[in-house]
Amino acid sequence: MTLALYGHPFSSYTWKALIALYANATPFEFRMLDEHHHDNAAFVANASPLGRFPVLVDGERTVFEATCIVDYLHLHHPGLFALLPDDPDAAIEVRMLDRVFDLSVMDPVQGIVSEHIRSPGKPDPLVVARSLDQLDRAYRWIDAWLRRSLHGGDAITLVECAAAPSLFYADWVHPIPEACPVLRQWRAHLLALPPVARCVDEARPYRPLFPLGAPDRD
């Protein structure tokens, strides 16, 4: 039975699962979440405690949370790219970095975006300032990590699945500073990887939805 992924092409966490699927050419059916697909929305609403997407369905198995979906694909639908290392200690390192991109990059991005949705044109400056400070700290840490790591090749792992969408949107919200040149270069490298570039292109029609206004780049 073909896998089914419920999500939206403009969603960063949907990208996280899509990058893994595209990288290994895993056959799947994409089930859109929008105002035209009420049945899909109803399924997702009941699939997890908070009804978040993406959600992966594999026969009788339902998997939610993007990180868990990538983990599941690694175990049950392997391909050319090993999404996680076989070595347990190395896998811990990859999962730790996955948390960095979700919690230290994507969370503050979502905090700023949510504030602009809550109060268009008048976001709470304290909320925005706190989120920007978190992003600055994350940028510096990731730039330093890249300098001492071996990352930067064309392999797709859980790290790339998490990093590409979070850095794509983070740089829209708060551009990566010139003081973090390695991180700036790595973001460009990630966006050029074929599975990521495909996600970028598929999301282009939805850019007008971005609350802060999508920049005319990428």
Protein backbone atom coordinates (compact mmCIF):
# COMPACT_ATOMS: atom_id res chain seq x y z
CA MET A 1 0.00 0.00 0.00
CA THR A 2 1.28 3.47 -0.90
CA LEU A 3 2.16 5.81 1.93
CA ALA A 4 -0.03 8.87 2.44
CA LEU A 5 1.29 12.16 3.82
CA TYR A 6 -1.15 14.77 5.09
CA GLY A 7 0.20 18.31 5.05
CA HIS A 8 0.53 21.62 3.26
CA PRO A 9 3.29 22.66 0.81
CA PHE A 10 3.98 25.92 2.67
CA SER A 11 4.39 24.22 6.06
CA SER A 12 7.95 23.94 7.36
CA TYR A 13 7.23 20.70 9.20
CA THR A 14 5.55 19.21 6.13
CA TRP A 15 8.78 20.03 4.27
CA LYS A 16 10.70 18.08 6.87
CA ALA A 17 8.85 14.89 5.96
CA LEU A 18 8.74 15.68 2.23
CA ILE A 19 12.52 16.14 2.02
CA ALA A 20 13.02 12.63 3.41
CA LEU A 21 10.45 11.16 1.00
CA TYR A 22 11.83 13.01 -2.03
CA ALA A 23 15.46 12.21 -1.19
CA ASN A 24 14.85 8.47 -1.26
CA ALA A 25 12.23 8.56 -4.05
CA THR A 26 9.76 6.88 -1.70
CA PRO A 27 6.35 6.44 -3.37
CA PHE A 28 3.59 8.27 -1.50
CA GLU A 29 0.33 10.11 -1.98
CA PHE A 30 0.16 13.73 -0.82
CA ARG A 31 -3.11 14.62 0.89
CA MET A 32 -3.62 18.35 0.93
CA LEU A 33 -4.85 20.27 3.94
CA ASP A 34 -6.87 23.29 2.83
CA GLU A 35 -10.43 24.56 2.60
CA HIS A 36 -11.14 22.21 -0.31
CA HIS A 37 -10.23 18.97 1.51
CA HIS A 38 -12.38 18.78 4.64
CA ASP A 39 -11.99 15.02 5.01
CA ASN A 40 -8.22 15.35 5.19
CA ALA A 41 -8.49 18.06 7.83
CA ALA A 42 -10.90 15.95 9.87
CA PHE A 43 -8.51 13.00 9.78
CA VAL A 44 -5.55 15.10 10.92
CA ALA A 45 -7.62 16.75 13.68
CA ASN A 46 -8.15 13.34 15.28
CA ALA A 47 -4.76 11.79 14.56
CA SER A 48 -2.88 13.41 17.45
CA PRO A 49 -3.74 15.24 20.68
CA LEU A 50 -3.47 18.71 19.11
CA GLY A 51 -4.36 17.75 15.54
CA ARG A 52 -1.09 18.93 14.06
CA PHE A 53 0.38 18.02 10.72
CA PRO A 54 2.17 16.44 8.98
CA VAL A 55 0.73 12.98 9.51
CA LEU A 56 1.96 9.86 7.74
CA VAL A 57 -0.25 6.83 7.11
CA ASP A 58 1.27 3.48 6.20
CA GLY A 59 -1.46 0.86 5.99
CA GLU A 60 -2.88 0.57 9.49
CA ARG A 61 -0.06 2.62 10.99
CA THR A 62 -0.43 6.34 11.65
CA VAL A 63 2.64 8.40 12.54
CA PHE A 64 2.52 12.05 13.60
CA GLU A 65 5.22 14.62 14.43
CA ALA A 66 7.68 15.32 11.61
CA THR A 67 10.74 13.98 13.42
CA CYS A 68 8.98 10.70 14.16
CA ILE A 69 7.91 10.46 10.52
CA VAL A 70 11.53 10.76 9.36
CA ASP A 71 12.54 8.18 11.98
CA TYR A 72 9.79 5.85 10.75
CA LEU A 73 10.82 6.26 7.11
CA HIS A 74 14.41 5.44 8.05
CA LEU A 75 13.32 2.20 9.71
CA HIS A 76 10.58 0.99 7.38
CA HIS A 77 11.21 2.64 4.00
CA PRO A 78 15.00 2.93 3.62
CA GLY A 79 16.58 4.25 0.45
CA LEU A 80 19.79 5.67 -0.95
CA PHE A 81 20.20 8.11 1.94
CA ALA A 82 20.41 6.82 5.50
CA LEU A 83 18.30 9.37 7.36
CA LEU A 84 19.88 8.35 10.67
CA PRO A 85 23.24 6.73 11.42
CA ASP A 86 23.32 3.08 12.44
CA ASP A 87 25.72 3.89 15.27
CA PRO A 88 23.59 4.72 18.35
CA ASP A 89 25.92 7.44 19.61
CA ALA A 90 26.02 9.12 16.21
CA ALA A 91 22.23 8.87 16.04
CA ILE A 92 21.97 10.72 19.36
CA GLU A 93 24.06 13.55 17.88
CA VAL A 94 21.77 13.77 14.85
CA ARG A 95 18.62 13.77 16.98
CA MET A 96 20.12 16.44 19.23
CA LEU A 97 20.76 18.68 16.21
CA ASP A 98 17.23 18.01 15.00
CA ARG A 99 16.01 19.48 18.28
CA VAL A 100 18.27 22.51 17.80
CA PHE A 101 16.59 23.38 14.50
CA ASP A 102 13.07 22.72 15.75
CA LEU A 103 13.32 24.35 19.17
CA SER A 104 16.04 26.98 18.82
CA VAL A 105 15.28 28.13 15.26
CA MET A 106 11.74 27.20 14.23
CA ASP A 107 10.12 27.94 17.60
CA PRO A 108 11.21 31.62 17.71
CA VAL A 109 10.32 31.99 14.02
CA GLN A 110 6.83 30.74 14.77
CA GLY A 111 6.66 33.05 17.78
CA ILE A 112 7.28 36.08 15.57
CA VAL A 113 4.92 34.89 12.83
CA SER A 114 2.19 34.12 15.35
CA GLU A 115 2.56 37.57 16.87
CA HIS A 116 2.10 39.19 13.45
CA ILE A 117 -0.99 37.05 12.88
CA ARG A 118 -2.37 37.96 16.30
CA SER A 119 -1.78 41.67 15.86
CA PRO A 120 -1.13 42.64 12.22
CA GLY A 121 1.09 45.69 12.03
CA LYS A 122 1.38 45.93 15.82
CA PRO A 123 3.19 42.86 17.15
CA ASP A 124 4.20 42.91 20.80
CA PRO A 125 7.77 44.32 20.71
CA LEU A 126 8.78 42.31 23.77
CA VAL A 127 7.72 39.03 22.18
CA VAL A 128 9.48 39.91 18.93
CA ALA A 129 12.65 41.06 20.69
CA ARG A 130 12.85 37.89 22.75
CA SER A 131 12.41 35.72 19.66
CA LEU A 132 15.02 37.70 17.70
CA ASP A 133 17.50 37.28 20.54
CA GLN A 134 16.87 33.53 20.51
CA LEU A 135 17.48 33.41 16.76
CA ASP A 136 20.72 35.38 17.07
CA ARG A 137 21.98 32.96 19.70
CA ALA A 138 20.96 29.99 17.55
CA TYR A 139 22.65 31.44 14.48
CA ARG A 140 25.94 31.91 16.32
CA TRP A 141 25.82 28.42 17.80
CA ILE A 142 25.01 26.72 14.48
CA ASP A 143 27.72 28.69 12.66
CA ALA A 144 30.25 27.52 15.24
CA TRP A 145 28.96 23.95 15.01
CA LEU A 146 29.35 23.98 11.23
CA ARG A 147 32.93 25.18 11.53
CA ARG A 148 33.89 22.13 13.60
CA SER A 149 31.66 19.54 11.91
CA LEU A 150 31.87 17.63 8.66
CA HIS A 151 28.45 18.74 7.47
CA GLY A 152 28.00 20.35 4.08
CA GLY A 153 27.89 17.41 1.65
CA ASP A 154 24.97 16.31 -0.49
CA ALA A 155 23.72 13.62 1.88
CA ILE A 156 20.21 13.93 3.29
CA THR A 157 19.79 13.02 6.94
CA LEU A 158 17.42 14.05 9.68
CA VAL A 159 19.69 17.09 10.17
CA GLU A 160 19.09 18.37 6.63
CA CYS A 161 15.38 17.57 6.87
CA ALA A 162 15.15 19.76 9.98
CA ALA A 163 17.66 22.45 9.02
CA ALA A 164 16.49 23.31 5.50
CA PRO A 165 12.92 24.43 6.26
CA SER A 166 13.79 26.10 9.57
CA LEU A 167 16.64 28.13 8.08
CA PHE A 168 14.61 28.92 4.94
CA TYR A 169 11.90 30.67 6.96
CA ALA A 170 14.20 31.97 9.71
CA ASP A 171 16.20 34.00 7.21
CA TRP A 172 12.96 35.54 5.96
CA VAL A 173 12.01 36.60 9.48
CA HIS A 174 15.50 37.62 10.66
CA PRO A 175 18.27 37.47 8.02
CA ILE A 176 21.32 35.46 9.01
CA PRO A 177 24.02 38.08 9.72
CA GLU A 178 27.28 38.41 7.80
CA ALA A 179 29.00 37.52 11.07
CA CYS A 180 27.79 33.94 10.45
CA PRO A 181 29.20 33.32 6.94
CA VAL A 182 29.42 29.54 7.21
CA LEU A 183 25.76 29.34 8.19
CA ARG A 184 24.78 31.65 5.32
CA GLN A 185 26.68 29.45 2.87
CA TRP A 186 25.16 26.27 4.30
CA ARG A 187 21.63 27.63 3.97
CA ALA A 188 22.29 28.33 0.29
CA HIS A 189 23.73 24.83 -0.10
CA LEU A 190 20.68 23.26 1.55
CA LEU A 191 18.25 25.14 -0.69
CA ALA A 192 20.13 23.86 -3.75
CA LEU A 193 19.75 20.19 -2.77
CA PRO A 194 17.19 18.65 -5.18
CA PRO A 195 14.68 17.44 -2.54
CA VAL A 196 14.77 20.84 -0.83
CA ALA A 197 14.62 22.79 -4.09
CA ARG A 198 11.51 20.80 -4.98
CA CYS A 199 9.84 21.84 -1.71
CA VAL A 200 10.78 25.48 -2.32
CA ASP A 201 9.25 25.40 -5.81
CA GLU A 202 6.07 23.62 -4.71
CA ALA A 203 5.54 26.25 -2.01
CA ARG A 204 5.95 29.28 -4.29
CA PRO A 205 2.23 29.74 -5.03
CA TYR A 206 1.55 30.18 -1.31
CA ARG A 207 4.08 32.93 -0.55
CA PRO A 208 1.40 35.64 -0.35
CA LEU A 209 0.16 33.83 2.78
CA PHE A 210 3.33 34.71 4.72
CA PRO A 211 2.20 37.22 7.39
CA LEU A 212 5.40 39.31 7.30
CA GLY A 213 5.49 39.43 3.52
CA ALA A 214 7.68 36.95 1.68
CA PRO A 215 10.94 38.52 0.48
CA ASP A 216 11.60 38.63 -3.25
CA ARG A 217 14.36 36.03 -3.17
CA ASP A 218 15.02 32.32 -2.73
